[in-house]
Amino acid sequence: MRLILSAFAPELGPLAGDPPAGWETATVGLGAVTAAAATARLLAERKPDAVLFLGTCGRYDDRLALFDGIWASEAIATSLEEVRGGAYRPGIERVRWASTLAGPLPRHAVAVPPAITFTQEGAAFLSTVAPAEHLELTGVFAACHAAGVPCGGALVVVNDVGPGAQVQWKANHAEGSRRLVETLKASNYF
């Protein structure tokens, strides 16, 4: 059995009530810490052969277009203050987790800050780390790496990071999730 995760059920799109054969679905909640704890619990309970996370993300700049599907090549724990130089992490802290599953979408690194970036200035700073922002992926990937379970992340861009992100996300997340699932099905990933 393989496990498809998302932060909340709408991001599973049409798979929420109808997972592909050989797959199960579950949600892990919002934010990296919550996602890590929930993923670790699900790994222990269900013992999947692999994990695929499905979700939405924001773009920092025009390297990605709205509704582009991406495969997270790596999830990077970061913060705006860290990128600005006002904070640092101990050298031994792990901040990058690679995808260990191949996927059918273009590969891009994904920044995972502790909260949604709300300013254009912040988006410009974080764009030096990755082209996209997401909130749960480091938690999911960290739990999978710790358990030795292969993992990947398929995300769809549904908003620009910045002041209008929430309104844009609300308008686009359901359609983006539906499109992402359709793309994965059309590629015969499921």
Protein backbone atom coordinates (compact mmCIF):
# COMPACT_ATOMS: atom_id res chain seq x y z
CA MET A 1 0.00 0.00 0.00
CA ARG A 2 1.08 3.55 -0.81
CA LEU A 3 -0.19 6.57 1.09
CA ILE A 4 -1.37 9.89 -0.36
CA LEU A 5 -1.28 12.71 2.16
CA SER A 6 -2.48 16.30 2.10
CA ALA A 7 -2.87 19.06 4.65
CA PHE A 8 -6.66 18.87 4.44
CA ALA A 9 -9.18 16.89 2.38
CA PRO A 10 -9.90 19.46 -0.37
CA GLU A 11 -6.26 19.26 -1.48
CA LEU A 12 -6.77 15.59 -2.29
CA GLY A 13 -9.15 16.75 -5.02
CA PRO A 14 -11.20 13.91 -6.48
CA LEU A 15 -9.03 11.35 -4.65
CA ALA A 16 -10.52 12.32 -1.28
CA GLY A 17 -13.32 9.80 -1.57
CA ASP A 18 -11.89 7.62 -4.31
CA PRO A 19 -8.17 6.78 -3.98
CA PRO A 20 -6.48 4.83 -6.79
CA ALA A 21 -6.08 1.07 -6.38
CA GLY A 22 -3.22 0.28 -4.02
CA TRP A 23 -3.31 3.73 -2.40
CA GLU A 24 -4.90 5.12 0.76
CA THR A 25 -5.44 8.77 1.67
CA ALA A 26 -5.09 10.76 4.88
CA THR A 27 -4.65 14.34 6.03
CA VAL A 28 -1.88 15.70 8.24
CA GLY A 29 -3.06 19.18 9.22
CA LEU A 30 -1.50 22.59 8.64
CA GLY A 31 2.12 23.54 9.28
CA ALA A 32 5.34 21.58 9.30
CA VAL A 33 5.31 20.54 12.97
CA THR A 34 1.72 19.28 12.89
CA ALA A 35 2.39 17.53 9.57
CA ALA A 36 5.52 15.84 10.94
CA ALA A 37 3.71 14.48 13.99
CA ALA A 38 0.70 13.28 11.98
CA THR A 39 2.90 11.72 9.28
CA ALA A 40 4.99 9.86 11.86
CA ARG A 41 1.80 8.49 13.43
CA LEU A 42 0.39 7.44 10.04
CA LEU A 43 3.67 5.75 9.07
CA ALA A 44 3.64 3.74 12.30
CA GLU A 45 -0.04 2.79 11.99
CA ARG A 46 -0.33 2.06 8.28
CA LYS A 47 3.24 1.06 7.32
CA PRO A 48 3.05 2.30 3.71
CA ASP A 49 5.61 1.36 1.05
CA ALA A 50 5.80 5.02 -0.04
CA VAL A 51 4.22 8.43 0.63
CA LEU A 52 3.08 11.05 -1.87
CA PHE A 53 2.06 14.44 -0.55
CA LEU A 54 -0.42 16.45 -2.64
CA GLY A 55 -0.91 20.14 -2.01
CA THR A 56 -1.10 23.71 -3.15
CA CYS A 57 1.68 26.25 -3.08
CA GLY A 58 2.43 29.87 -3.80
CA ARG A 59 4.97 31.22 -6.25
CA TYR A 60 7.54 33.85 -5.37
CA ASP A 61 8.04 35.13 -8.91
CA ASP A 62 7.38 34.31 -12.56
CA ARG A 63 9.57 31.19 -12.77
CA LEU A 64 6.31 29.29 -12.26
CA ALA A 65 2.88 30.05 -13.70
CA LEU A 66 -0.43 29.80 -11.90
CA PHE A 67 -1.74 26.23 -12.03
CA ASP A 68 1.69 24.78 -12.87
CA GLY A 69 2.14 21.36 -11.30
CA ILE A 70 5.57 20.74 -9.75
CA TRP A 71 7.38 17.82 -8.16
CA ALA A 72 9.22 18.93 -5.03
CA SER A 73 12.86 18.02 -5.61
CA GLU A 74 13.56 19.00 -2.01
CA ALA A 75 11.80 20.66 0.89
CA ILE A 76 13.84 23.40 2.56
CA ALA A 77 13.11 24.65 6.08
CA THR A 78 13.79 28.38 6.09
CA SER A 79 12.49 31.69 7.35
CA LEU A 80 12.44 35.24 6.11
CA GLU A 81 14.57 36.42 9.01
CA GLU A 82 17.10 33.67 8.30
CA VAL A 83 17.39 34.69 4.62
CA ARG A 84 17.70 38.36 5.61
CA GLY A 85 20.59 37.46 7.91
CA GLY A 86 18.80 38.32 11.16
CA ALA A 87 18.67 34.70 12.38
CA TYR A 88 20.72 31.56 11.92
CA ARG A 89 20.46 27.84 12.49
CA PRO A 90 23.01 25.66 14.26
CA GLY A 91 25.31 24.09 11.67
CA ILE A 92 24.21 20.58 12.63
CA GLU A 93 20.49 21.26 12.12
CA ARG A 94 19.05 19.52 9.09
CA VAL A 95 17.13 21.94 6.86
CA ARG A 96 16.83 20.06 3.52
CA TRP A 97 15.00 16.85 2.74
CA ALA A 98 15.14 15.43 -0.78
CA SER A 99 12.30 13.73 -2.57
CA THR A 100 13.10 10.03 -2.79
CA LEU A 101 10.30 9.18 -5.25
CA ALA A 102 10.45 10.03 -8.92
CA GLY A 103 7.52 11.92 -10.31
CA PRO A 104 6.09 13.01 -13.65
CA LEU A 105 6.18 16.79 -13.07
CA PRO A 106 8.97 19.38 -13.42
CA ARG A 107 11.25 19.28 -10.36
CA HIS A 108 11.64 22.39 -8.20
CA ALA A 109 12.88 23.08 -4.70
CA VAL A 110 10.20 24.24 -2.27
CA ALA A 111 10.78 26.67 0.61
CA VAL A 112 8.94 25.85 3.83
CA PRO A 113 8.83 28.84 6.19
CA PRO A 114 7.11 28.69 9.58
CA ALA A 115 4.27 30.95 8.37
CA ILE A 116 2.80 32.32 5.16
CA THR A 117 4.87 35.12 3.66
CA PHE A 118 2.68 38.20 3.41
CA THR A 119 4.84 40.86 1.73
CA GLN A 120 6.37 41.35 -1.71
CA GLU A 121 9.68 42.12 0.01
CA GLY A 122 9.53 38.80 1.84
CA ALA A 123 8.69 36.95 -1.37
CA ALA A 124 11.70 38.57 -3.07
CA PHE A 125 14.03 37.44 -0.27
CA LEU A 126 12.68 33.88 -0.16
CA SER A 127 12.78 33.57 -3.94
CA THR A 128 16.55 33.22 -3.55
CA VAL A 129 15.91 29.87 -1.81
CA ALA A 130 13.26 28.34 -4.11
CA PRO A 131 10.56 29.35 -6.60
CA ALA A 132 7.66 28.12 -4.44
CA GLU A 133 6.42 28.29 -0.84
CA HIS A 134 4.54 25.56 1.01
CA LEU A 135 3.91 24.98 4.73
CA GLU A 136 3.89 21.21 5.42
CA LEU A 137 6.41 19.49 3.19
CA THR A 138 9.47 19.58 5.48
CA GLY A 139 7.45 17.89 8.21
CA VAL A 140 6.18 15.16 5.89
CA PHE A 141 9.59 14.56 4.30
CA ALA A 142 11.39 14.62 7.67
CA ALA A 143 9.05 11.97 9.11
CA CYS A 144 9.41 9.80 6.00
CA HIS A 145 13.21 10.09 5.97
CA ALA A 146 13.36 9.21 9.68
CA ALA A 147 11.22 6.10 9.05
CA GLY A 148 13.05 5.10 5.85
CA VAL A 149 9.88 5.45 3.73
CA PRO A 150 10.30 6.81 0.18
CA CYS A 151 8.49 10.12 -0.28
CA GLY A 152 7.59 12.69 -2.89
CA GLY A 153 5.53 15.83 -3.17
CA ALA A 154 3.31 16.99 -6.01
CA LEU A 155 2.16 20.58 -5.66
CA VAL A 156 0.14 22.98 -7.78
CA VAL A 157 0.76 26.73 -7.85
CA VAL A 158 -2.48 28.53 -6.97
CA ASN A 159 -1.36 31.96 -5.76
CA ASP A 160 1.32 34.61 -5.80
CA VAL A 161 3.11 34.93 -2.46
CA GLY A 162 2.36 38.34 -0.99
CA PRO A 163 -0.50 40.55 0.20
CA GLY A 164 -3.20 39.05 -2.06
CA ALA A 165 -2.24 35.42 -1.49
CA GLN A 166 -5.15 34.42 0.75
CA VAL A 167 -7.83 35.76 -1.60
CA GLN A 168 -6.11 34.17 -4.60
CA TRP A 169 -5.63 30.85 -2.76
CA LYS A 170 -9.31 30.72 -1.76
CA ALA A 171 -10.35 31.36 -5.36
CA ASN A 172 -7.95 28.79 -6.89
CA HIS A 173 -7.15 25.96 -4.47
CA ALA A 174 -10.01 23.61 -5.36
CA GLU A 175 -9.48 24.01 -9.11
CA GLY A 176 -5.72 23.64 -8.69
CA SER A 177 -6.09 20.45 -6.67
CA ARG A 178 -8.45 19.00 -9.27
CA ARG A 179 -6.01 19.86 -12.07
CA LEU A 180 -3.07 18.36 -10.17
CA VAL A 181 -4.87 15.04 -9.69
CA GLU A 182 -5.94 15.01 -13.36
CA THR A 183 -2.33 15.60 -14.45
CA LEU A 184 -1.05 12.78 -12.26
CA LYS A 185 -3.74 10.42 -13.55
CA ALA A 186 -3.04 11.40 -17.20
CA SER A 187 0.66 10.63 -16.67
CA ASN A 188 -0.28 7.15 -15.38
CA TYR A 189 1.36 7.91 -12.04
CA PHE A 190 -1.65 6.31 -10.35
